[in-house]
């Protein structure tokens, strides 16, 4: 992502998560002037701290007069965040600026807009932050009909039809991987680093074909390390494969026979791409940060139009 610093900041894009926040100073043409991040996510701060954090991070880039528009997605809009941005109900297009919550600020140089999350009533599910990445995918691929996979601690599978979020499902596979690998008896066998690609693929293929393999095989990782010298790297990859395979089996109605786009170019996203390839899929992978930023750019463009 190109960055320059000799232009005036036209607006500010922010992705405010649970553990971290990322801020981009943007030029009028949509170019990134600078990007900063910090570990002051929603889970670490009080609601009255948000404005001060923004002011500190913008430092000398605030206008002398007139407000600077700040467009925020993510957990700043949660009930525990800066100001609650109510969920938009599905089916719906990714929420636009007309649904954003305007936050009152003490400093008149800031004009803050928080984009809402999305809710699904049956089965009950919510997302907050991912909807902006979905908007970023659609902005890059107008007319996209298919499925968007957003890997993470809580992975989202989202069906897009005619520009709308028709349905979605959340899977806690990432959190289960951490809990089982670090806080169960398997912590003695599962490594913190390293990877065995063949062990991952074998476990993933088995669990996708038969999800009951997951529950039958977990303790086998401990027994394998005790009796058969199963390496920590192979145990780690096998645990990941079992969990991801069981997730793919449960999410089959989303990805089978359709176009799949994975958001994120990191180790986890590559694991999802690898798992889907085992099932004959050829997903497109899009950069996570750029997709978020494209969603925020698209929202800001709507603000200008209005």
C-alpha atoms as a PDB file:
ATOM      1  CA  UNK A   1       0.000   0.000   0.000  1.00  0.00           C
ATOM      2  CA  UNK A   2       1.570   3.251  -1.120  1.00  0.00           C
ATOM      3  CA  UNK A   3       1.876   6.034   1.427  1.00  0.00           C
ATOM      4  CA  UNK A   4       2.786   9.704   1.090  1.00  0.00           C
ATOM      5  CA  UNK A   5       2.927  12.461   3.675  1.00  0.00           C
ATOM      6  CA  UNK A   6       3.082  15.769   1.811  1.00  0.00           C
ATOM      7  CA  UNK A   7      -0.651  16.213   1.244  1.00  0.00           C
ATOM      8  CA  UNK A   8      -3.357  17.574   3.482  1.00  0.00           C
ATOM      9  CA  UNK A   9      -5.438  14.983   5.311  1.00  0.00           C
ATOM     10  CA  UNK A  10      -8.880  15.026   3.670  1.00  0.00           C
ATOM     11  CA  UNK A  11     -10.472  12.413   5.938  1.00  0.00           C
ATOM     12  CA  UNK A  12      -9.596   9.589   8.289  1.00  0.00           C
ATOM     13  CA  UNK A  13     -10.416   5.869   8.037  1.00  0.00           C
ATOM     14  CA  UNK A  14     -10.371   3.749  11.204  1.00  0.00           C
ATOM     15  CA  UNK A  15     -10.766   0.041  11.894  1.00  0.00           C
ATOM     16  CA  UNK A  16     -11.322  -0.186  15.672  1.00  0.00           C
ATOM     17  CA  UNK A  17     -11.226  -3.770  16.877  1.00  0.00           C
ATOM     18  CA  UNK A  18     -11.362  -5.484  20.237  1.00  0.00           C
ATOM     19  CA  UNK A  19      -7.607  -5.569  20.818  1.00  0.00           C
ATOM     20  CA  UNK A  20      -6.162  -3.081  18.312  1.00  0.00           C
ATOM     21  CA  UNK A  21      -7.109  -0.075  16.254  1.00  0.00           C
ATOM     22  CA  UNK A  22      -5.691   1.005  12.906  1.00  0.00           C
ATOM     23  CA  UNK A  23      -5.956   4.520  11.515  1.00  0.00           C
ATOM     24  CA  UNK A  24      -5.272   5.750   7.988  1.00  0.00           C
ATOM     25  CA  UNK A  25      -4.910   9.399   7.049  1.00  0.00           C
ATOM     26  CA  UNK A  26      -6.436   9.730   3.603  1.00  0.00           C
ATOM     27  CA  UNK A  27      -5.964  12.129   0.717  1.00  0.00           C
ATOM     28  CA  UNK A  28      -8.913  13.462  -1.271  1.00  0.00           C
ATOM     29  CA  UNK A  29      -8.151  11.025  -4.111  1.00  0.00           C
ATOM     30  CA  UNK A  30      -8.273   8.027  -1.754  1.00  0.00           C
ATOM     31  CA  UNK A  31      -4.510   7.575  -1.438  1.00  0.00           C
ATOM     32  CA  UNK A  32      -3.101   6.620   1.953  1.00  0.00           C
ATOM     33  CA  UNK A  33      -1.014   9.425   3.429  1.00  0.00           C
ATOM     34  CA  UNK A  34       0.011   7.477   6.525  1.00  0.00           C
ATOM     35  CA  UNK A  35      -1.095   4.516   8.617  1.00  0.00           C
ATOM     36  CA  UNK A  36      -0.777   4.131  12.381  1.00  0.00           C
ATOM     37  CA  UNK A  37      -1.929   1.431  14.771  1.00  0.00           C
ATOM     38  CA  UNK A  38      -1.970   0.852  18.509  1.00  0.00           C
ATOM     39  CA  UNK A  39      -3.068  -1.745  21.049  1.00  0.00           C
ATOM     40  CA  UNK A  40      -5.900   0.429  22.388  1.00  0.00           C
ATOM     41  CA  UNK A  41      -8.767  -1.689  21.183  1.00  0.00           C
ATOM     42  CA  UNK A  42     -12.301  -1.645  22.573  1.00  0.00           C
ATOM     43  CA  UNK A  43     -11.470  -4.332  25.131  1.00  0.00           C
ATOM     44  CA  UNK A  44      -8.709  -2.235  26.725  1.00  0.00           C
ATOM     45  CA  UNK A  45     -10.268   1.236  27.016  1.00  0.00           C
ATOM     46  CA  UNK A  46     -13.262   3.067  28.461  1.00  0.00           C
ATOM     47  CA  UNK A  47     -15.882   4.798  26.273  1.00  0.00           C
ATOM     48  CA  UNK A  48     -14.606   8.244  27.259  1.00  0.00           C
ATOM     49  CA  UNK A  49     -11.091   7.450  25.964  1.00  0.00           C
ATOM     50  CA  UNK A  50     -11.844   7.172  22.251  1.00  0.00           C
ATOM     51  CA  UNK A  51     -11.762  10.856  21.372  1.00  0.00           C
ATOM     52  CA  UNK A  52      -8.451  11.423  23.153  1.00  0.00           C
ATOM     53  CA  UNK A  53      -6.855   8.471  21.352  1.00  0.00           C
ATOM     54  CA  UNK A  54      -7.958   9.864  18.000  1.00  0.00           C
ATOM     55  CA  UNK A  55      -6.617  13.306  18.843  1.00  0.00           C
ATOM     56  CA  UNK A  56      -3.277  11.852  19.942  1.00  0.00           C
ATOM     57  CA  UNK A  57      -2.897   9.742  16.799  1.00  0.00           C
ATOM     58  CA  UNK A  58      -3.811  12.596  14.483  1.00  0.00           C
ATOM     59  CA  UNK A  59      -1.464  14.971  16.320  1.00  0.00           C
ATOM     60  CA  UNK A  60      -0.510  17.809  13.955  1.00  0.00           C
ATOM     61  CA  UNK A  61      -2.857  16.758  11.154  1.00  0.00           C
ATOM     62  CA  UNK A  62      -6.089  18.266  12.437  1.00  0.00           C
ATOM     63  CA  UNK A  63      -7.516  21.198  10.456  1.00  0.00           C
ATOM     64  CA  UNK A  64      -7.226  24.708  11.822  1.00  0.00           C
ATOM     65  CA  UNK A  65     -10.932  25.185  11.192  1.00  0.00           C
ATOM     66  CA  UNK A  66     -13.783  23.041  10.018  1.00  0.00           C
ATOM     67  CA  UNK A  67     -14.342  19.403  11.020  1.00  0.00           C
ATOM     68  CA  UNK A  68     -12.314  16.454   9.768  1.00  0.00           C
ATOM     69  CA  UNK A  69     -14.501  13.474   8.829  1.00  0.00           C
ATOM     70  CA  UNK A  70     -13.577  10.225  10.586  1.00  0.00           C
ATOM     71  CA  UNK A  71     -15.221   7.021   9.310  1.00  0.00           C
ATOM     72  CA  UNK A  72     -14.964   4.112  11.753  1.00  0.00           C
ATOM     73  CA  UNK A  73     -15.854   0.438  11.475  1.00  0.00           C
ATOM     74  CA  UNK A  74     -15.578  -2.297  14.078  1.00  0.00           C
ATOM     75  CA  UNK A  75     -16.023  -2.619  17.817  1.00  0.00           C
ATOM     76  CA  UNK A  76     -16.067   1.122  18.529  1.00  0.00           C
ATOM     77  CA  UNK A  77     -19.723   0.804  17.566  1.00  0.00           C
ATOM     78  CA  UNK A  78     -20.494  -2.013  20.012  1.00  0.00           C
ATOM     79  CA  UNK A  79     -22.543  -1.629  23.176  1.00  0.00           C
ATOM     80  CA  UNK A  80     -19.282  -1.497  25.161  1.00  0.00           C
ATOM     81  CA  UNK A  81     -17.592   0.839  22.672  1.00  0.00           C
ATOM     82  CA  UNK A  82     -17.628   4.548  21.980  1.00  0.00           C
ATOM     83  CA  UNK A  83     -21.267   4.744  20.917  1.00  0.00           C
ATOM     84  CA  UNK A  84     -23.555   1.895  19.942  1.00  0.00           C
ATOM     85  CA  UNK A  85     -24.241   1.717  16.208  1.00  0.00           C
ATOM     86  CA  UNK A  86     -27.367  -0.473  15.953  1.00  0.00           C
ATOM     87  CA  UNK A  87     -27.187  -3.632  13.847  1.00  0.00           C
ATOM     88  CA  UNK A  88     -28.759  -3.616  10.391  1.00  0.00           C
ATOM     89  CA  UNK A  89     -30.969  -6.697   9.836  1.00  0.00           C
ATOM     90  CA  UNK A  90     -30.361  -9.205   7.053  1.00  0.00           C
ATOM     91  CA  UNK A  91     -31.021  -9.486   4.203  1.00  0.00           C
ATOM     92  CA  UNK A  92     -29.345  -6.161   3.503  1.00  0.00           C
ATOM     93  CA  UNK A  93     -26.616  -4.477   1.548  1.00  0.00           C
ATOM     94  CA  UNK A  94     -23.479  -3.759   3.598  1.00  0.00           C
ATOM     95  CA  UNK A  95     -24.548  -0.763   5.742  1.00  0.00           C
ATOM     96  CA  UNK A  96     -23.877   2.621   4.204  1.00  0.00           C
ATOM     97  CA  UNK A  97     -23.222   6.060   5.659  1.00  0.00           C
ATOM     98  CA  UNK A  98     -26.934   6.766   5.825  1.00  0.00           C
ATOM     99  CA  UNK A  99     -27.100   4.157   8.601  1.00  0.00           C
ATOM    100  CA  UNK A 100     -23.971   5.352  10.406  1.00  0.00           C
ATOM    101  CA  UNK A 101     -24.093   6.685  13.962  1.00  0.00           C
ATOM    102  CA  UNK A 102     -22.833  10.244  14.350  1.00  0.00           C
ATOM    103  CA  UNK A 103     -20.861  10.601  17.581  1.00  0.00           C
ATOM    104  CA  UNK A 104     -20.820  13.877  19.501  1.00  0.00           C
ATOM    105  CA  UNK A 105     -17.266  15.054  20.213  1.00  0.00           C
ATOM    106  CA  UNK A 106     -15.869  17.696  22.529  1.00  0.00           C
ATOM    107  CA  UNK A 107     -13.365  18.827  19.908  1.00  0.00           C
ATOM    108  CA  UNK A 108     -15.168  20.544  16.983  1.00  0.00           C
ATOM    109  CA  UNK A 109     -12.338  19.580  14.624  1.00  0.00           C
ATOM    110  CA  UNK A 110     -13.617  15.992  14.573  1.00  0.00           C
ATOM    111  CA  UNK A 111     -16.782  14.755  12.848  1.00  0.00           C
ATOM    112  CA  UNK A 112     -17.062  11.052  13.689  1.00  0.00           C
ATOM    113  CA  UNK A 113     -19.237   8.466  11.926  1.00  0.00           C
ATOM    114  CA  UNK A 114     -19.426   4.828  13.112  1.00  0.00           C
ATOM    115  CA  UNK A 115     -20.703   2.242  10.646  1.00  0.00           C
ATOM    116  CA  UNK A 116     -23.199  -0.298  12.036  1.00  0.00           C
ATOM    117  CA  UNK A 117     -22.780  -4.054  12.240  1.00  0.00           C
ATOM    118  CA  UNK A 118     -25.234  -6.632  10.901  1.00  0.00           C
ATOM    119  CA  UNK A 119     -27.600  -9.016  12.666  1.00  0.00           C
ATOM    120  CA  UNK A 120     -29.333 -12.196  11.565  1.00  0.00           C
ATOM    121  CA  UNK A 121     -32.344 -13.280  13.578  1.00  0.00           C
ATOM    122  CA  UNK A 122     -32.729 -16.928  12.496  1.00  0.00           C
ATOM    123  CA  UNK A 123     -30.347 -18.481  13.225  1.00  0.00           C
ATOM    124  CA  UNK A 124     -29.177 -15.734  15.578  1.00  0.00           C
ATOM    125  CA  UNK A 125     -25.822 -14.257  14.568  1.00  0.00           C
ATOM    126  CA  UNK A 126     -24.041 -10.905  14.470  1.00  0.00           C
ATOM    127  CA  UNK A 127     -21.014  -9.297  12.866  1.00  0.00           C
ATOM    128  CA  UNK A 128     -19.292  -5.991  13.451  1.00  0.00           C
ATOM    129  CA  UNK A 129     -16.389  -4.878  11.293  1.00  0.00           C
ATOM    130  CA  UNK A 130     -16.607  -7.697   8.761  1.00  0.00           C
ATOM    131  CA  UNK A 131     -19.474  -5.918   6.986  1.00  0.00           C
ATOM    132  CA  UNK A 132     -17.009  -3.239   5.896  1.00  0.00           C
ATOM    133  CA  UNK A 133     -14.700  -5.877   4.410  1.00  0.00           C
ATOM    134  CA  UNK A 134     -17.715  -7.298   2.595  1.00  0.00           C
ATOM    135  CA  UNK A 135     -18.382  -3.824   1.251  1.00  0.00           C
ATOM    136  CA  UNK A 136     -14.752  -3.702   0.137  1.00  0.00           C
ATOM    137  CA  UNK A 137     -15.107  -6.966  -1.801  1.00  0.00           C
ATOM    138  CA  UNK A 138     -18.262  -5.770  -3.549  1.00  0.00           C
ATOM    139  CA  UNK A 139     -16.617  -2.424  -4.343  1.00  0.00           C
ATOM    140  CA  UNK A 140     -13.810  -4.303  -6.098  1.00  0.00           C
ATOM    141  CA  UNK A 141     -16.111  -6.870  -7.690  1.00  0.00           C
ATOM    142  CA  UNK A 142     -19.381  -5.145  -8.664  1.00  0.00           C
ATOM    143  CA  UNK A 143     -22.205  -7.591  -9.262  1.00  0.00           C
ATOM    144  CA  UNK A 144     -20.481 -10.282  -7.201  1.00  0.00           C
ATOM    145  CA  UNK A 145     -22.722 -13.239  -6.361  1.00  0.00           C
ATOM    146  CA  UNK A 146     -21.064 -15.889  -4.261  1.00  0.00           C
ATOM    147  CA  UNK A 147     -19.606 -16.514  -0.844  1.00  0.00           C
ATOM    148  CA  UNK A 148     -17.133 -14.458   1.158  1.00  0.00           C
ATOM    149  CA  UNK A 149     -15.069 -16.212   3.829  1.00  0.00           C
ATOM    150  CA  UNK A 150     -13.539 -13.998   6.502  1.00  0.00           C
ATOM    151  CA  UNK A 151     -11.099 -16.139   8.529  1.00  0.00           C
ATOM    152  CA  UNK A 152     -10.298 -15.157  12.089  1.00  0.00           C
ATOM    153  CA  UNK A 153     -10.833 -16.075  15.703  1.00  0.00           C
ATOM    154  CA  UNK A 154     -14.528 -16.187  14.787  1.00  0.00           C
ATOM    155  CA  UNK A 155     -14.668 -16.952  11.064  1.00  0.00           C
ATOM    156  CA  UNK A 156     -17.610 -15.676   9.021  1.00  0.00           C
ATOM    157  CA  UNK A 157     -19.081 -17.372   5.959  1.00  0.00           C
ATOM    158  CA  UNK A 158     -21.287 -14.916   4.084  1.00  0.00           C
ATOM    159  CA  UNK A 159     -23.583 -15.501   1.112  1.00  0.00           C
ATOM    160  CA  UNK A 160     -23.916 -12.533  -1.258  1.00  0.00           C
ATOM    161  CA  UNK A 161     -26.876 -12.372  -3.623  1.00  0.00           C
ATOM    162  CA  UNK A 162     -27.641  -9.384  -5.849  1.00  0.00           C
ATOM    163  CA  UNK A 163     -25.421  -7.107  -3.792  1.00  0.00           C
ATOM    164  CA  UNK A 164     -27.030  -8.093  -0.500  1.00  0.00           C
ATOM    165  CA  UNK A 165     -25.879 -10.122   2.484  1.00  0.00           C
ATOM    166  CA  UNK A 166     -28.430 -12.906   2.234  1.00  0.00           C
ATOM    167  CA  UNK A 167     -27.174 -15.097   5.087  1.00  0.00           C
ATOM    168  CA  UNK A 168     -24.082 -15.682   7.186  1.00  0.00           C
ATOM    169  CA  UNK A 169     -22.699 -18.057   9.799  1.00  0.00           C
ATOM    170  CA  UNK A 170     -19.973 -17.679  12.421  1.00  0.00           C
ATOM    171  CA  UNK A 171     -17.596 -20.482  13.396  1.00  0.00           C
ATOM    172  CA  UNK A 172     -15.418 -20.307  16.514  1.00  0.00           C
ATOM    173  CA  UNK A 173     -12.775 -22.663  15.124  1.00  0.00           C
ATOM    174  CA  UNK A 174      -9.970 -20.149  15.663  1.00  0.00           C
ATOM    175  CA  UNK A 175     -10.836 -19.660  19.308  1.00  0.00           C
ATOM    176  CA  UNK A 176     -11.248 -23.421  19.811  1.00  0.00           C
ATOM    177  CA  UNK A 177      -7.782 -23.957  18.327  1.00  0.00           C
ATOM    178  CA  UNK A 178      -6.316 -21.585  20.926  1.00  0.00           C
ATOM    179  CA  UNK A 179      -8.333 -22.971  23.839  1.00  0.00           C
ATOM    180  CA  UNK A 180      -7.605 -26.615  23.042  1.00  0.00           C
ATOM    181  CA  UNK A 181      -3.980 -26.077  22.064  1.00  0.00           C
ATOM    182  CA  UNK A 182      -3.074 -23.850  25.011  1.00  0.00           C
ATOM    183  CA  UNK A 183      -5.470 -24.682  27.838  1.00  0.00           C
ATOM    184  CA  UNK A 184      -6.279 -28.398  27.582  1.00  0.00           C
ATOM    185  CA  UNK A 185      -4.188 -31.516  28.114  1.00  0.00           C
ATOM    186  CA  UNK A 186      -3.133 -31.161  24.472  1.00  0.00           C
ATOM    187  CA  UNK A 187      -0.980 -28.172  25.415  1.00  0.00           C
ATOM    188  CA  UNK A 188       1.702 -30.716  26.293  1.00  0.00           C
ATOM    189  CA  UNK A 189       1.689 -32.043  22.715  1.00  0.00           C
ATOM    190  CA  UNK A 190       0.682 -29.184  20.407  1.00  0.00           C
ATOM    191  CA  UNK A 191       3.480 -26.811  19.418  1.00  0.00           C
ATOM    192  CA  UNK A 192       3.198 -23.032  19.435  1.00  0.00           C
ATOM    193  CA  UNK A 193       4.953 -22.730  16.077  1.00  0.00           C
ATOM    194  CA  UNK A 194       5.891 -24.875  13.122  1.00  0.00           C
ATOM    195  CA  UNK A 195       3.757 -26.663  10.569  1.00  0.00           C
ATOM    196  CA  UNK A 196       3.361 -30.024   8.875  1.00  0.00           C
ATOM    197  CA  UNK A 197       1.455 -29.427   5.643  1.00  0.00           C
ATOM    198  CA  UNK A 198       0.764 -33.085   4.959  1.00  0.00           C
ATOM    199  CA  UNK A 199      -0.566 -33.674   8.494  1.00  0.00           C
ATOM    200  CA  UNK A 200      -2.855 -30.662   8.091  1.00  0.00           C
ATOM    201  CA  UNK A 201      -4.208 -31.825   4.729  1.00  0.00           C
ATOM    202  CA  UNK A 202      -4.766 -35.389   5.894  1.00  0.00           C
ATOM    203  CA  UNK A 203      -6.677 -34.305   9.021  1.00  0.00           C
ATOM    204  CA  UNK A 204      -8.621 -31.657   7.143  1.00  0.00           C
ATOM    205  CA  UNK A 205      -9.676 -34.067   4.415  1.00  0.00           C
ATOM    206  CA  UNK A 206     -10.819 -36.666   6.960  1.00  0.00           C
ATOM    207  CA  UNK A 207     -12.813 -34.196   9.082  1.00  0.00           C
ATOM    208  CA  UNK A 208     -14.483 -32.592   6.059  1.00  0.00           C
ATOM    209  CA  UNK A 209     -15.628 -36.017   4.868  1.00  0.00           C
ATOM    210  CA  UNK A 210     -16.679 -37.121   8.362  1.00  0.00           C
ATOM    211  CA  UNK A 211     -16.947 -34.400  11.061  1.00  0.00           C
ATOM    212  CA  UNK A 212     -17.173 -37.036  13.825  1.00  0.00           C
ATOM    213  CA  UNK A 213     -13.461 -37.612  13.252  1.00  0.00           C
ATOM    214  CA  UNK A 214     -12.805 -34.430  15.234  1.00  0.00           C
ATOM    215  CA  UNK A 215     -14.128 -35.741  18.545  1.00  0.00           C
ATOM    216  CA  UNK A 216     -12.656 -39.210  17.984  1.00  0.00           C
ATOM    217  CA  UNK A 217      -9.190 -37.907  17.205  1.00  0.00           C
ATOM    218  CA  UNK A 218      -8.416 -35.138  19.688  1.00  0.00           C
ATOM    219  CA  UNK A 219      -6.989 -37.243  22.498  1.00  0.00           C
ATOM    220  CA  UNK A 220      -5.077 -39.237  19.912  1.00  0.00           C
ATOM    221  CA  UNK A 221      -2.800 -36.233  19.541  1.00  0.00           C
ATOM    222  CA  UNK A 222      -1.740 -36.616  23.161  1.00  0.00           C
ATOM    223  CA  UNK A 223      -1.390 -40.382  22.870  1.00  0.00           C
ATOM    224  CA  UNK A 224       0.545 -39.995  19.631  1.00  0.00           C
ATOM    225  CA  UNK A 225       3.097 -37.713  21.251  1.00  0.00           C
ATOM    226  CA  UNK A 226       3.540 -40.138  24.145  1.00  0.00           C
ATOM    227  CA  UNK A 227       3.645 -43.383  22.207  1.00  0.00           C
ATOM    228  CA  UNK A 228       4.622 -42.615  18.627  1.00  0.00           C
ATOM    229  CA  UNK A 229       6.837 -39.517  18.851  1.00  0.00           C
ATOM    230  CA  UNK A 230       4.250 -37.317  17.129  1.00  0.00           C
ATOM    231  CA  UNK A 231       6.044 -34.013  16.707  1.00  0.00           C
ATOM    232  CA  UNK A 232       4.624 -30.773  18.160  1.00  0.00           C
ATOM    233  CA  UNK A 233       4.514 -29.347  14.640  1.00  0.00           C
ATOM    234  CA  UNK A 234       2.506 -32.286  13.299  1.00  0.00           C
ATOM    235  CA  UNK A 235       0.171 -32.184  16.313  1.00  0.00           C
ATOM    236  CA  UNK A 236      -0.426 -28.478  15.771  1.00  0.00           C
ATOM    237  CA  UNK A 237      -1.155 -28.925  12.087  1.00  0.00           C
ATOM    238  CA  UNK A 238      -3.387 -31.921  12.740  1.00  0.00           C
ATOM    239  CA  UNK A 239      -5.443 -30.033  15.334  1.00  0.00           C
ATOM    240  CA  UNK A 240      -5.869 -27.179  12.883  1.00  0.00           C
ATOM    241  CA  UNK A 241      -6.851 -29.564  10.109  1.00  0.00           C
ATOM    242  CA  UNK A 242      -9.412 -31.364  12.257  1.00  0.00           C
ATOM    243  CA  UNK A 243     -11.084 -28.131  13.336  1.00  0.00           C
ATOM    244  CA  UNK A 244     -11.038 -26.564   9.900  1.00  0.00           C
ATOM    245  CA  UNK A 245     -12.283 -29.740   8.249  1.00  0.00           C
ATOM    246  CA  UNK A 246     -15.203 -29.976  10.672  1.00  0.00           C
ATOM    247  CA  UNK A 247     -15.967 -26.315   9.950  1.00  0.00           C
ATOM    248  CA  UNK A 248     -15.950 -26.895   6.197  1.00  0.00           C
ATOM    249  CA  UNK A 249     -18.346 -29.790   6.639  1.00  0.00           C
ATOM    250  CA  UNK A 250     -20.721 -27.579   8.646  1.00  0.00           C
ATOM    251  CA  UNK A 251     -20.373 -24.709   6.150  1.00  0.00           C
ATOM    252  CA  UNK A 252     -20.746 -26.896   3.059  1.00  0.00           C
ATOM    253  CA  UNK A 253     -23.973 -25.200   1.945  1.00  0.00           C
ATOM    254  CA  UNK A 254     -22.031 -21.937   1.688  1.00  0.00           C
ATOM    255  CA  UNK A 255     -18.974 -22.969  -0.321  1.00  0.00           C
ATOM    256  CA  UNK A 256     -19.987 -26.039  -2.309  1.00  0.00           C
ATOM    257  CA  UNK A 257     -20.542 -25.347  -5.987  1.00  0.00           C
ATOM    258  CA  UNK A 258     -20.109 -21.568  -5.771  1.00  0.00           C
ATOM    259  CA  UNK A 259     -17.620 -18.761  -6.154  1.00  0.00           C
ATOM    260  CA  UNK A 260     -15.637 -18.240  -2.912  1.00  0.00           C
ATOM    261  CA  UNK A 261     -13.568 -15.186  -1.982  1.00  0.00           C
ATOM    262  CA  UNK A 262     -11.309 -15.351   1.077  1.00  0.00           C
ATOM    263  CA  UNK A 263     -10.429 -12.052   2.726  1.00  0.00           C
ATOM    264  CA  UNK A 264      -6.943 -12.004   4.220  1.00  0.00           C
ATOM    265  CA  UNK A 265      -3.451 -12.881   3.048  1.00  0.00           C
ATOM    266  CA  UNK A 266      -1.975 -14.499   6.143  1.00  0.00           C
ATOM    267  CA  UNK A 267      -1.244 -17.977   7.445  1.00  0.00           C
ATOM    268  CA  UNK A 268      -4.839 -18.622   8.495  1.00  0.00           C
ATOM    269  CA  UNK A 269      -6.292 -17.471   5.190  1.00  0.00           C
ATOM    270  CA  UNK A 270      -3.823 -19.665   3.310  1.00  0.00           C
ATOM    271  CA  UNK A 271      -4.941 -22.625   5.441  1.00  0.00           C
ATOM    272  CA  UNK A 272      -8.550 -21.964   4.416  1.00  0.00           C
ATOM    273  CA  UNK A 273      -7.524 -21.746   0.761  1.00  0.00           C
ATOM    274  CA  UNK A 274      -5.592 -25.001   1.103  1.00  0.00           C
ATOM    275  CA  UNK A 275      -8.550 -26.714   2.787  1.00  0.00           C
ATOM    276  CA  UNK A 276     -10.950 -25.585   0.062  1.00  0.00           C
ATOM    277  CA  UNK A 277      -8.510 -26.694  -2.637  1.00  0.00           C
ATOM    278  CA  UNK A 278      -8.693 -30.205  -1.179  1.00  0.00           C
ATOM    279  CA  UNK A 279     -12.423 -30.064  -1.985  1.00  0.00           C
ATOM    280  CA  UNK A 280     -11.850 -28.981  -5.575  1.00  0.00           C
ATOM    281  CA  UNK A 281     -12.487 -25.275  -4.956  1.00  0.00           C
ATOM    282  CA  UNK A 282     -10.313 -22.462  -6.313  1.00  0.00           C
ATOM    283  CA  UNK A 283     -11.035 -19.497  -4.037  1.00  0.00           C
ATOM    284  CA  UNK A 284      -9.820 -15.998  -4.785  1.00  0.00           C
ATOM    285  CA  UNK A 285      -7.805 -14.463  -1.927  1.00  0.00           C
ATOM    286  CA  UNK A 286      -7.957 -10.707  -1.285  1.00  0.00           C
ATOM    287  CA  UNK A 287      -5.730  -8.696   1.042  1.00  0.00           C
ATOM    288  CA  UNK A 288      -7.522  -8.084   4.357  1.00  0.00           C
ATOM    289  CA  UNK A 289      -6.225  -4.588   5.134  1.00  0.00           C
ATOM    290  CA  UNK A 290      -6.790  -3.297   1.619  1.00  0.00           C
ATOM    291  CA  UNK A 291     -10.298  -4.809   1.557  1.00  0.00           C
ATOM    292  CA  UNK A 292     -11.184  -3.076   4.830  1.00  0.00           C
ATOM    293  CA  UNK A 293      -9.828   0.184   3.497  1.00  0.00           C
ATOM    294  CA  UNK A 294     -11.751  -0.204   0.237  1.00  0.00           C
ATOM    295  CA  UNK A 295     -14.944  -0.614   2.263  1.00  0.00           C
ATOM    296  CA  UNK A 296     -14.183   2.531   4.241  1.00  0.00           C
ATOM    297  CA  UNK A 297     -13.309   4.393   1.022  1.00  0.00           C
ATOM    298  CA  UNK A 298     -16.643   3.375  -0.466  1.00  0.00           C
ATOM    299  CA  UNK A 299     -18.484   4.549   2.650  1.00  0.00           C
ATOM    300  CA  UNK A 300     -16.694   7.898   2.547  1.00  0.00           C
ATOM    301  CA  UNK A 301     -17.593   8.305  -1.132  1.00  0.00           C
ATOM    302  CA  UNK A 302     -21.239   7.988  -0.085  1.00  0.00           C
ATOM    303  CA  UNK A 303     -20.698  10.668   2.531  1.00  0.00           C
ATOM    304  CA  UNK A 304     -19.402  13.024  -0.135  1.00  0.00           C
ATOM    305  CA  UNK A 305     -22.386  12.269  -2.383  1.00  0.00           C
ATOM    306  CA  UNK A 306     -24.805  13.089   0.410  1.00  0.00           C
END
